Amino acid sequence: MKRLFIAVAASLLAMASFAQSTPQEFMQKAKARTGYGDYQGAIADLSKAISMEATYVPAYVERGIVRQQSGDQKGALVDFDMAIAIDPSYVRALNARGTLLMEMDKIDEAIADFDNAIKQMPTYGNAFLNRGKAKLKKGDKDGACIDFENAALYGKQKALDLKKKSCY
């Protein structure tokens, strides 16, 4: 009887903590789980955040990134597409989808996403860096070098290494 009481109490506490959690708290838990390599736990936490707030774009983006890291490109693309459908100007989603598309060798589509991210936020160094990588893959060395320069200008210092390696 005592064990049953303890089990019921533990279940009630777990339900109470879920009810009091916010999507942002589940997002933070997911980031911690990702850091420990617990991708499935992170995906579960992000799914809870999304179930609590269906338009919470950062959770879709984060879940897409975790899915990409765990090898689920299809699931990642669905999440990035959903994030962009909710907020087409969310540069982190555009950049993340572009990175995935580049990984899938869909270079022109990737460049379009990076272009859009840069259009939305002209100082977004990550998009310049990734567009430079995509242009390099496509054989546009001059365009890549300009993007690496801009990426460094906007805080992505590792772009200078890529520029030295690829542009001289």
N, C-alpha and C. Protein backbone atom coordinates (compact mmCIF):
# COMPACT_ATOMS: atom_id res chain seq x y z
N MET A 1 0.82 -1.19 0.00
CA MET A 1 0.00 0.00 0.00
C MET A 1 0.87 1.26 0.00
N LYS A 2 1.96 1.21 0.80
CA LYS A 2 2.86 2.36 0.88
C LYS A 2 3.51 2.62 -0.48
N ARG A 3 3.88 1.55 -1.18
CA ARG A 3 4.50 1.70 -2.50
C ARG A 3 3.52 2.31 -3.50
N LEU A 4 2.27 1.87 -3.43
CA LEU A 4 1.26 2.42 -4.31
C LEU A 4 1.09 3.91 -4.06
N PHE A 5 1.07 4.31 -2.80
CA PHE A 5 0.94 5.73 -2.45
C PHE A 5 2.11 6.53 -3.00
N ILE A 6 3.32 6.00 -2.85
CA ILE A 6 4.52 6.69 -3.34
C ILE A 6 4.46 6.82 -4.86
N ALA A 7 4.03 5.77 -5.55
CA ALA A 7 3.95 5.81 -7.01
C ALA A 7 2.92 6.84 -7.47
N VAL A 8 1.77 6.87 -6.79
CA VAL A 8 0.73 7.83 -7.14
C VAL A 8 1.22 9.25 -6.87
N ALA A 9 1.87 9.46 -5.74
CA ALA A 9 2.38 10.79 -5.39
C ALA A 9 3.42 11.24 -6.41
N ALA A 10 4.30 10.35 -6.81
CA ALA A 10 5.33 10.70 -7.80
C ALA A 10 4.68 11.06 -9.13
N SER A 11 3.65 10.31 -9.52
CA SER A 11 2.94 10.62 -10.77
C SER A 11 2.27 11.97 -10.71
N LEU A 12 1.65 12.27 -9.59
CA LEU A 12 0.99 13.58 -9.43
C LEU A 12 1.99 14.72 -9.48
N LEU A 13 3.14 14.51 -8.84
CA LEU A 13 4.17 15.55 -8.88
C LEU A 13 4.68 15.76 -10.31
N ALA A 14 4.87 14.69 -11.02
CA ALA A 14 5.34 14.80 -12.40
C ALA A 14 4.32 15.54 -13.26
N MET A 15 3.02 15.22 -13.06
CA MET A 15 1.98 15.91 -13.82
C MET A 15 1.91 17.38 -13.43
N ALA A 16 2.08 17.67 -12.16
CA ALA A 16 2.04 19.05 -11.70
C ALA A 16 3.20 19.85 -12.27
N SER A 17 4.38 19.24 -12.33
CA SER A 17 5.53 19.97 -12.87
C SER A 17 5.36 20.19 -14.37
N PHE A 18 4.73 19.23 -15.07
CA PHE A 18 4.45 19.42 -16.50
C PHE A 18 3.47 20.58 -16.69
N ALA A 19 2.45 20.62 -15.84
CA ALA A 19 1.43 21.66 -15.97
C ALA A 19 2.02 23.04 -15.71
N GLN A 20 3.03 23.12 -14.88
CA GLN A 20 3.61 24.41 -14.54
C GLN A 20 4.76 24.79 -15.47
N SER A 21 5.22 23.87 -16.28
CA SER A 21 6.32 24.15 -17.20
C SER A 21 5.83 24.98 -18.37
N THR A 22 6.72 25.77 -18.91
CA THR A 22 6.41 26.58 -20.08
C THR A 22 7.14 26.01 -21.30
N PRO A 23 6.73 26.40 -22.49
CA PRO A 23 7.46 25.95 -23.68
C PRO A 23 8.95 26.32 -23.60
N GLN A 24 9.23 27.49 -23.05
CA GLN A 24 10.63 27.94 -22.94
C GLN A 24 11.42 27.03 -21.99
N GLU A 25 10.76 26.56 -20.92
CA GLU A 25 11.45 25.65 -19.99
C GLU A 25 11.74 24.31 -20.66
N PHE A 26 10.79 23.82 -21.45
CA PHE A 26 11.04 22.58 -22.19
C PHE A 26 12.16 22.77 -23.21
N MET A 27 12.22 23.96 -23.79
CA MET A 27 13.29 24.27 -24.74
C MET A 27 14.65 24.21 -24.03
N GLN A 28 14.75 24.79 -22.85
CA GLN A 28 16.00 24.77 -22.09
C GLN A 28 16.39 23.34 -21.70
N LYS A 29 15.41 22.55 -21.28
CA LYS A 29 15.68 21.15 -20.95
C LYS A 29 16.21 20.41 -22.18
N ALA A 30 15.60 20.69 -23.33
CA ALA A 30 16.01 20.04 -24.56
C ALA A 30 17.44 20.40 -24.94
N LYS A 31 17.80 21.66 -24.76
CA LYS A 31 19.18 22.07 -25.07
C LYS A 31 20.18 21.35 -24.17
N ALA A 32 19.82 21.19 -22.90
CA ALA A 32 20.70 20.45 -21.99
C ALA A 32 20.82 19.00 -22.42
N ARG A 33 19.70 18.39 -22.77
CA ARG A 33 19.73 16.98 -23.22
C ARG A 33 20.57 16.83 -24.48
N THR A 34 20.45 17.78 -25.40
CA THR A 34 21.24 17.72 -26.63
C THR A 34 22.72 17.77 -26.30
N GLY A 35 23.08 18.61 -25.33
CA GLY A 35 24.48 18.71 -24.91
C GLY A 35 25.03 17.40 -24.39
N TYR A 36 24.16 16.56 -23.83
CA TYR A 36 24.57 15.26 -23.31
C TYR A 36 24.40 14.15 -24.35
N GLY A 37 23.95 14.52 -25.55
CA GLY A 37 23.77 13.52 -26.59
C GLY A 37 22.46 12.76 -26.51
N ASP A 38 21.52 13.21 -25.66
CA ASP A 38 20.22 12.57 -25.52
C ASP A 38 19.25 13.20 -26.52
N TYR A 39 19.40 12.83 -27.79
CA TYR A 39 18.60 13.43 -28.84
C TYR A 39 17.12 13.08 -28.72
N GLN A 40 16.83 11.83 -28.37
CA GLN A 40 15.42 11.44 -28.25
C GLN A 40 14.73 12.19 -27.13
N GLY A 41 15.43 12.35 -25.99
CA GLY A 41 14.86 13.12 -24.88
C GLY A 41 14.66 14.58 -25.27
N ALA A 42 15.61 15.13 -26.02
CA ALA A 42 15.50 16.52 -26.47
C ALA A 42 14.31 16.68 -27.42
N ILE A 43 14.16 15.74 -28.33
CA ILE A 43 13.03 15.80 -29.27
C ILE A 43 11.71 15.70 -28.51
N ALA A 44 11.65 14.84 -27.50
CA ALA A 44 10.43 14.71 -26.70
C ALA A 44 10.11 16.03 -25.98
N ASP A 45 11.13 16.66 -25.39
CA ASP A 45 10.90 17.94 -24.70
C ASP A 45 10.45 19.03 -25.68
N LEU A 46 11.05 19.07 -26.85
CA LEU A 46 10.67 20.07 -27.84
C LEU A 46 9.26 19.82 -28.38
N SER A 47 8.91 18.56 -28.50
CA SER A 47 7.56 18.21 -28.92
C SER A 47 6.54 18.66 -27.87
N LYS A 48 6.90 18.55 -26.60
CA LYS A 48 6.02 19.05 -25.53
C LYS A 48 5.87 20.56 -25.62
N ALA A 49 6.97 21.24 -25.88
CA ALA A 49 6.91 22.71 -26.03
C ALA A 49 5.97 23.08 -27.17
N ILE A 50 6.08 22.36 -28.28
CA ILE A 50 5.24 22.64 -29.44
C ILE A 50 3.78 22.31 -29.14
N SER A 51 3.56 21.23 -28.40
CA SER A 51 2.16 20.88 -28.08
C SER A 51 1.53 21.93 -27.16
N MET A 52 2.35 22.62 -26.39
CA MET A 52 1.83 23.68 -25.52
C MET A 52 1.59 24.98 -26.27
N GLU A 53 2.42 25.23 -27.29
CA GLU A 53 2.31 26.47 -28.07
C GLU A 53 2.67 26.14 -29.52
N ALA A 54 1.66 25.88 -30.31
CA ALA A 54 1.84 25.37 -31.68
C ALA A 54 2.58 26.35 -32.60
N THR A 55 2.64 27.62 -32.23
CA THR A 55 3.33 28.60 -33.08
C THR A 55 4.67 29.03 -32.51
N TYR A 56 5.22 28.24 -31.60
CA TYR A 56 6.50 28.57 -30.96
C TYR A 56 7.64 28.18 -31.91
N VAL A 57 7.97 29.09 -32.80
CA VAL A 57 8.94 28.85 -33.88
C VAL A 57 10.29 28.36 -33.37
N PRO A 58 10.88 28.95 -32.30
CA PRO A 58 12.18 28.46 -31.86
C PRO A 58 12.21 26.96 -31.53
N ALA A 59 11.09 26.42 -31.04
CA ALA A 59 11.06 24.98 -30.73
C ALA A 59 11.10 24.14 -32.00
N TYR A 60 10.42 24.58 -33.05
CA TYR A 60 10.49 23.85 -34.33
C TYR A 60 11.92 23.87 -34.87
N VAL A 61 12.55 25.03 -34.80
CA VAL A 61 13.91 25.15 -35.31
C VAL A 61 14.86 24.26 -34.51
N GLU A 62 14.76 24.34 -33.20
CA GLU A 62 15.64 23.53 -32.34
C GLU A 62 15.41 22.05 -32.57
N ARG A 63 14.12 21.64 -32.68
CA ARG A 63 13.83 20.22 -32.92
C ARG A 63 14.38 19.80 -34.28
N GLY A 64 14.29 20.68 -35.28
CA GLY A 64 14.87 20.38 -36.58
C GLY A 64 16.37 20.18 -36.51
N ILE A 65 17.03 21.04 -35.74
CA ILE A 65 18.48 20.92 -35.57
C ILE A 65 18.84 19.61 -34.89
N VAL A 66 18.09 19.26 -33.85
CA VAL A 66 18.36 18.00 -33.14
C VAL A 66 18.11 16.82 -34.07
N ARG A 67 17.04 16.88 -34.83
CA ARG A 67 16.76 15.79 -35.79
C ARG A 67 17.88 15.69 -36.83
N GLN A 68 18.35 16.83 -37.29
CA GLN A 68 19.45 16.82 -38.26
C GLN A 68 20.69 16.19 -37.64
N GLN A 69 21.00 16.56 -36.41
CA GLN A 69 22.17 16.01 -35.72
C GLN A 69 22.05 14.50 -35.52
N SER A 70 20.81 14.02 -35.35
CA SER A 70 20.62 12.58 -35.13
C SER A 70 20.46 11.80 -36.43
N GLY A 71 20.57 12.51 -37.58
CA GLY A 71 20.52 11.83 -38.87
C GLY A 71 19.16 11.79 -39.53
N ASP A 72 18.15 12.43 -38.94
CA ASP A 72 16.80 12.44 -39.49
C ASP A 72 16.60 13.69 -40.34
N GLN A 73 17.14 13.66 -41.57
CA GLN A 73 17.04 14.82 -42.46
C GLN A 73 15.60 15.13 -42.84
N LYS A 74 14.82 14.10 -43.08
CA LYS A 74 13.42 14.30 -43.48
C LYS A 74 12.64 15.01 -42.37
N GLY A 75 12.79 14.52 -41.14
CA GLY A 75 12.11 15.14 -40.00
C GLY A 75 12.59 16.56 -39.76
N ALA A 76 13.88 16.79 -39.94
CA ALA A 76 14.44 18.13 -39.77
C ALA A 76 13.85 19.08 -40.79
N LEU A 77 13.74 18.64 -42.04
CA LEU A 77 13.19 19.49 -43.09
C LEU A 77 11.73 19.85 -42.79
N VAL A 78 10.96 18.89 -42.29
CA VAL A 78 9.56 19.16 -41.93
C VAL A 78 9.51 20.24 -40.86
N ASP A 79 10.37 20.14 -39.85
CA ASP A 79 10.38 21.15 -38.78
C ASP A 79 10.79 22.52 -39.28
N PHE A 80 11.83 22.58 -40.09
CA PHE A 80 12.27 23.87 -40.63
C PHE A 80 11.19 24.48 -41.53
N ASP A 81 10.56 23.64 -42.35
CA ASP A 81 9.48 24.14 -43.20
C ASP A 81 8.33 24.70 -42.36
N MET A 82 7.99 24.01 -41.27
CA MET A 82 6.91 24.47 -40.40
C MET A 82 7.28 25.81 -39.75
N ALA A 83 8.50 25.93 -39.28
CA ALA A 83 8.94 27.18 -38.66
C ALA A 83 8.84 28.33 -39.65
N ILE A 84 9.25 28.10 -40.89
CA ILE A 84 9.22 29.15 -41.90
C ILE A 84 7.79 29.44 -42.34
N ALA A 85 6.93 28.43 -42.34
CA ALA A 85 5.52 28.67 -42.66
C ALA A 85 4.87 29.57 -41.61
N ILE A 86 5.25 29.38 -40.36
CA ILE A 86 4.70 30.21 -39.28
C ILE A 86 5.27 31.62 -39.33
N ASP A 87 6.59 31.71 -39.54
CA ASP A 87 7.25 33.03 -39.57
C ASP A 87 8.31 33.04 -40.68
N PRO A 88 7.92 33.46 -41.87
CA PRO A 88 8.85 33.46 -43.01
C PRO A 88 10.07 34.35 -42.84
N SER A 89 10.07 35.23 -41.84
CA SER A 89 11.20 36.14 -41.66
C SER A 89 12.14 35.68 -40.54
N TYR A 90 11.91 34.50 -40.00
CA TYR A 90 12.74 33.99 -38.89
C TYR A 90 14.07 33.50 -39.45
N VAL A 91 15.10 34.33 -39.32
CA VAL A 91 16.38 34.06 -40.00
C VAL A 91 17.06 32.79 -39.53
N ARG A 92 16.90 32.46 -38.26
CA ARG A 92 17.54 31.23 -37.78
C ARG A 92 16.95 30.00 -38.47
N ALA A 93 15.65 30.02 -38.75
CA ALA A 93 15.01 28.90 -39.47
C ALA A 93 15.49 28.85 -40.92
N LEU A 94 15.58 30.00 -41.55
CA LEU A 94 16.07 30.05 -42.93
C LEU A 94 17.50 29.54 -43.02
N ASN A 95 18.33 29.96 -42.09
CA ASN A 95 19.73 29.53 -42.07
C ASN A 95 19.84 28.03 -41.80
N ALA A 96 19.04 27.54 -40.85
CA ALA A 96 19.08 26.11 -40.51
C ALA A 96 18.63 25.26 -41.69
N ARG A 97 17.53 25.68 -42.33
CA ARG A 97 17.06 24.91 -43.49
C ARG A 97 18.09 24.97 -44.62
N GLY A 98 18.69 26.13 -44.82
CA GLY A 98 19.72 26.25 -45.85
C GLY A 98 20.89 25.31 -45.59
N THR A 99 21.28 25.22 -44.34
CA THR A 99 22.39 24.31 -43.97
C THR A 99 22.01 22.86 -44.26
N LEU A 100 20.78 22.49 -43.92
CA LEU A 100 20.31 21.14 -44.21
C LEU A 100 20.25 20.89 -45.71
N LEU A 101 19.71 21.84 -46.45
CA LEU A 101 19.63 21.67 -47.91
C LEU A 101 21.02 21.53 -48.52
N MET A 102 21.97 22.27 -47.99
CA MET A 102 23.35 22.16 -48.48
C MET A 102 23.88 20.75 -48.19
N GLU A 103 23.58 20.25 -47.01
CA GLU A 103 23.99 18.89 -46.63
C GLU A 103 23.36 17.86 -47.57
N MET A 104 22.17 18.16 -48.07
CA MET A 104 21.45 17.26 -48.97
C MET A 104 21.83 17.51 -50.44
N ASP A 105 22.85 18.35 -50.67
CA ASP A 105 23.33 18.71 -52.00
C ASP A 105 22.28 19.43 -52.85
N LYS A 106 21.40 20.16 -52.20
CA LYS A 106 20.44 21.02 -52.89
C LYS A 106 20.96 22.45 -52.76
N ILE A 107 22.05 22.71 -53.46
CA ILE A 107 22.82 23.93 -53.28
C ILE A 107 22.04 25.19 -53.67
N ASP A 108 21.35 25.16 -54.81
CA ASP A 108 20.61 26.35 -55.23
C ASP A 108 19.51 26.71 -54.22
N GLU A 109 18.81 25.69 -53.71
CA GLU A 109 17.77 25.94 -52.70
C GLU A 109 18.40 26.48 -51.41
N ALA A 110 19.54 25.95 -51.06
CA ALA A 110 20.24 26.43 -49.85
C ALA A 110 20.62 27.89 -50.01
N ILE A 111 21.20 28.23 -51.15
CA ILE A 111 21.60 29.62 -51.40
C ILE A 111 20.38 30.54 -51.33
N ALA A 112 19.25 30.09 -51.84
CA ALA A 112 18.02 30.91 -51.78
C ALA A 112 17.63 31.18 -50.33
N ASP A 113 17.74 30.16 -49.47
CA ASP A 113 17.43 30.38 -48.05
C ASP A 113 18.41 31.35 -47.40
N PHE A 114 19.69 31.21 -47.71
CA PHE A 114 20.69 32.13 -47.14
C PHE A 114 20.46 33.55 -47.66
N ASP A 115 20.12 33.67 -48.95
CA ASP A 115 19.80 34.99 -49.51
C ASP A 115 18.64 35.62 -48.76
N ASN A 116 17.61 34.83 -48.51
CA ASN A 116 16.43 35.33 -47.81
C ASN A 116 16.77 35.74 -46.38
N ALA A 117 17.59 34.95 -45.71
CA ALA A 117 18.00 35.29 -44.33
C ALA A 117 18.77 36.61 -44.33
N ILE A 118 19.66 36.78 -45.30
CA ILE A 118 20.45 38.02 -45.39
C ILE A 118 19.55 39.20 -45.74
N LYS A 119 18.56 38.97 -46.58
CA LYS A 119 17.60 40.03 -46.91
C LYS A 119 16.85 40.47 -45.64
N GLN A 120 16.48 39.50 -44.81
CA GLN A 120 15.74 39.81 -43.59
C GLN A 120 16.63 40.50 -42.55
N MET A 121 17.91 40.04 -42.48
CA MET A 121 18.85 40.60 -41.50
C MET A 121 20.23 40.74 -42.18
N PRO A 122 20.50 41.89 -42.75
CA PRO A 122 21.73 42.09 -43.53
C PRO A 122 23.04 41.96 -42.74
N THR A 123 22.97 41.84 -41.43
CA THR A 123 24.18 41.69 -40.63
C THR A 123 24.30 40.28 -40.02
N TYR A 124 23.57 39.32 -40.58
CA TYR A 124 23.55 37.97 -40.03
C TYR A 124 24.74 37.17 -40.56
N GLY A 125 25.81 37.16 -39.77
CA GLY A 125 27.06 36.54 -40.17
C GLY A 125 26.96 35.07 -40.51
N ASN A 126 26.13 34.32 -39.78
CA ASN A 126 25.98 32.89 -40.06
C ASN A 126 25.49 32.64 -41.48
N ALA A 127 24.54 33.46 -41.93
CA ALA A 127 24.01 33.26 -43.28
C ALA A 127 25.07 33.56 -44.34
N PHE A 128 25.88 34.61 -44.11
CA PHE A 128 26.98 34.89 -45.05
C PHE A 128 27.98 33.74 -45.07
N LEU A 129 28.32 33.24 -43.89
CA LEU A 129 29.27 32.14 -43.79
C LEU A 129 28.76 30.91 -44.55
N ASN A 130 27.51 30.55 -44.28
CA ASN A 130 26.96 29.35 -44.92
C ASN A 130 26.71 29.55 -46.41
N ARG A 131 26.31 30.75 -46.81
CA ARG A 131 26.16 31.01 -48.24
C ARG A 131 27.51 30.92 -48.94
N GLY A 132 28.56 31.40 -48.26
CA GLY A 132 29.90 31.27 -48.82
C GLY A 132 30.29 29.82 -49.02
N LYS A 133 29.97 28.98 -48.05
CA LYS A 133 30.26 27.54 -48.18
C LYS A 133 29.49 26.94 -49.35
N ALA A 134 28.21 27.34 -49.48
CA ALA A 134 27.39 26.82 -50.57
C ALA A 134 27.93 27.28 -51.92
N LYS A 135 28.31 28.54 -52.01
CA LYS A 135 28.86 29.05 -53.27
C LYS A 135 30.16 28.34 -53.62
N LEU A 136 30.96 28.03 -52.62
CA LEU A 136 32.19 27.30 -52.86
C LEU A 136 31.89 25.92 -53.42
N LYS A 137 30.88 25.25 -52.85
CA LYS A 137 30.46 23.93 -53.35
C LYS A 137 29.98 24.02 -54.80
N LYS A 138 29.38 25.14 -55.12
CA LYS A 138 28.84 25.33 -56.48
C LYS A 138 29.92 25.75 -57.47
N GLY A 139 31.09 26.13 -56.96
CA GLY A 139 32.18 26.54 -57.84
C GLY A 139 32.30 28.05 -58.00
N ASP A 140 31.53 28.80 -57.24
CA ASP A 140 31.58 30.27 -57.29
C ASP A 140 32.56 30.76 -56.23
N LYS A 141 33.84 30.63 -56.55
CA LYS A 141 34.89 31.00 -55.60
C LYS A 141 34.86 32.48 -55.26
N ASP A 142 34.69 33.33 -56.25
CA ASP A 142 34.67 34.78 -56.00
C ASP A 142 33.52 35.17 -55.07
N GLY A 143 32.34 34.63 -55.35
CA GLY A 143 31.19 34.91 -54.50
C GLY A 143 31.39 34.39 -53.08
N ALA A 144 32.00 33.22 -52.97
CA ALA A 144 32.28 32.63 -51.66
C ALA A 144 33.23 33.53 -50.87
N CYS A 145 34.25 34.02 -51.53
CA CYS A 145 35.24 34.86 -50.84
C CYS A 145 34.63 36.15 -50.33
N ILE A 146 33.75 36.74 -51.12
CA ILE A 146 33.04 37.95 -50.67
C ILE A 146 32.17 37.63 -49.45
N ASP A 147 31.47 36.50 -49.50
CA ASP A 147 30.62 36.12 -48.37
C ASP A 147 31.44 35.83 -47.12
N PHE A 148 32.60 35.19 -47.28
CA PHE A 148 33.45 34.94 -46.12
C PHE A 148 33.92 36.25 -45.49
N GLU A 149 34.24 37.22 -46.35
CA GLU A 149 34.63 38.55 -45.86
C GLU A 149 33.51 39.19 -45.04
N ASN A 150 32.30 39.14 -45.60
CA ASN A 150 31.14 39.70 -44.90
C ASN A 150 30.84 38.95 -43.60
N ALA A 151 30.97 37.65 -43.62
CA ALA A 151 30.74 36.86 -42.41
C ALA A 151 31.69 37.28 -41.31
N ALA A 152 32.95 37.48 -41.67
CA ALA A 152 33.94 37.92 -40.68
C ALA A 152 33.61 39.32 -40.18
N LEU A 153 33.18 40.17 -41.09
CA LEU A 153 32.79 41.53 -40.72
C LEU A 153 31.66 41.52 -39.69
N TYR A 154 30.76 40.54 -39.81
CA TYR A 154 29.62 40.44 -38.90
C TYR A 154 29.81 39.40 -37.80
N GLY A 155 31.07 39.17 -37.42
CA GLY A 155 31.34 38.41 -36.21
C GLY A 155 31.72 36.96 -36.35
N LYS A 156 31.75 36.41 -37.54
CA LYS A 156 32.10 35.01 -37.72
C LYS A 156 33.58 34.91 -38.11
N GLN A 157 34.44 34.93 -37.11
CA GLN A 157 35.88 34.98 -37.36
C GLN A 157 36.41 33.74 -38.07
N LYS A 158 35.74 32.59 -37.89
CA LYS A 158 36.21 31.38 -38.58
C LYS A 158 36.09 31.52 -40.10
N ALA A 159 35.32 32.50 -40.55
CA ALA A 159 35.22 32.75 -41.99
C ALA A 159 36.55 33.19 -42.57
N LEU A 160 37.38 33.84 -41.75
CA LEU A 160 38.70 34.26 -42.23
C LEU A 160 39.56 33.05 -42.56
N ASP A 161 39.45 32.00 -41.76
CA ASP A 161 40.20 30.77 -42.05
C ASP A 161 39.75 30.16 -43.39
N LEU A 162 38.43 30.15 -43.60
CA LEU A 162 37.92 29.63 -44.86
C LEU A 162 38.36 30.49 -46.03
N LYS A 163 38.39 31.79 -45.81
CA LYS A 163 38.84 32.70 -46.87
C LYS A 163 40.31 32.44 -47.21
N LYS A 164 41.15 32.30 -46.17
CA LYS A 164 42.58 32.02 -46.42
C LYS A 164 42.77 30.71 -47.16
N LYS A 165 41.99 29.72 -46.75
CA LYS A 165 42.11 28.38 -47.33
C LYS A 165 41.59 28.33 -48.76
N SER A 166 40.51 29.08 -49.04
CA SER A 166 39.81 28.94 -50.31
C SER A 166 40.05 30.05 -51.32
N CYS A 167 40.52 31.20 -50.87
CA CYS A 167 40.51 32.39 -51.74
C CYS A 167 41.89 32.86 -52.17
N TYR A 168 42.92 32.26 -51.70
CA TYR A 168 44.26 32.75 -52.08
C TYR A 168 44.99 31.74 -52.90
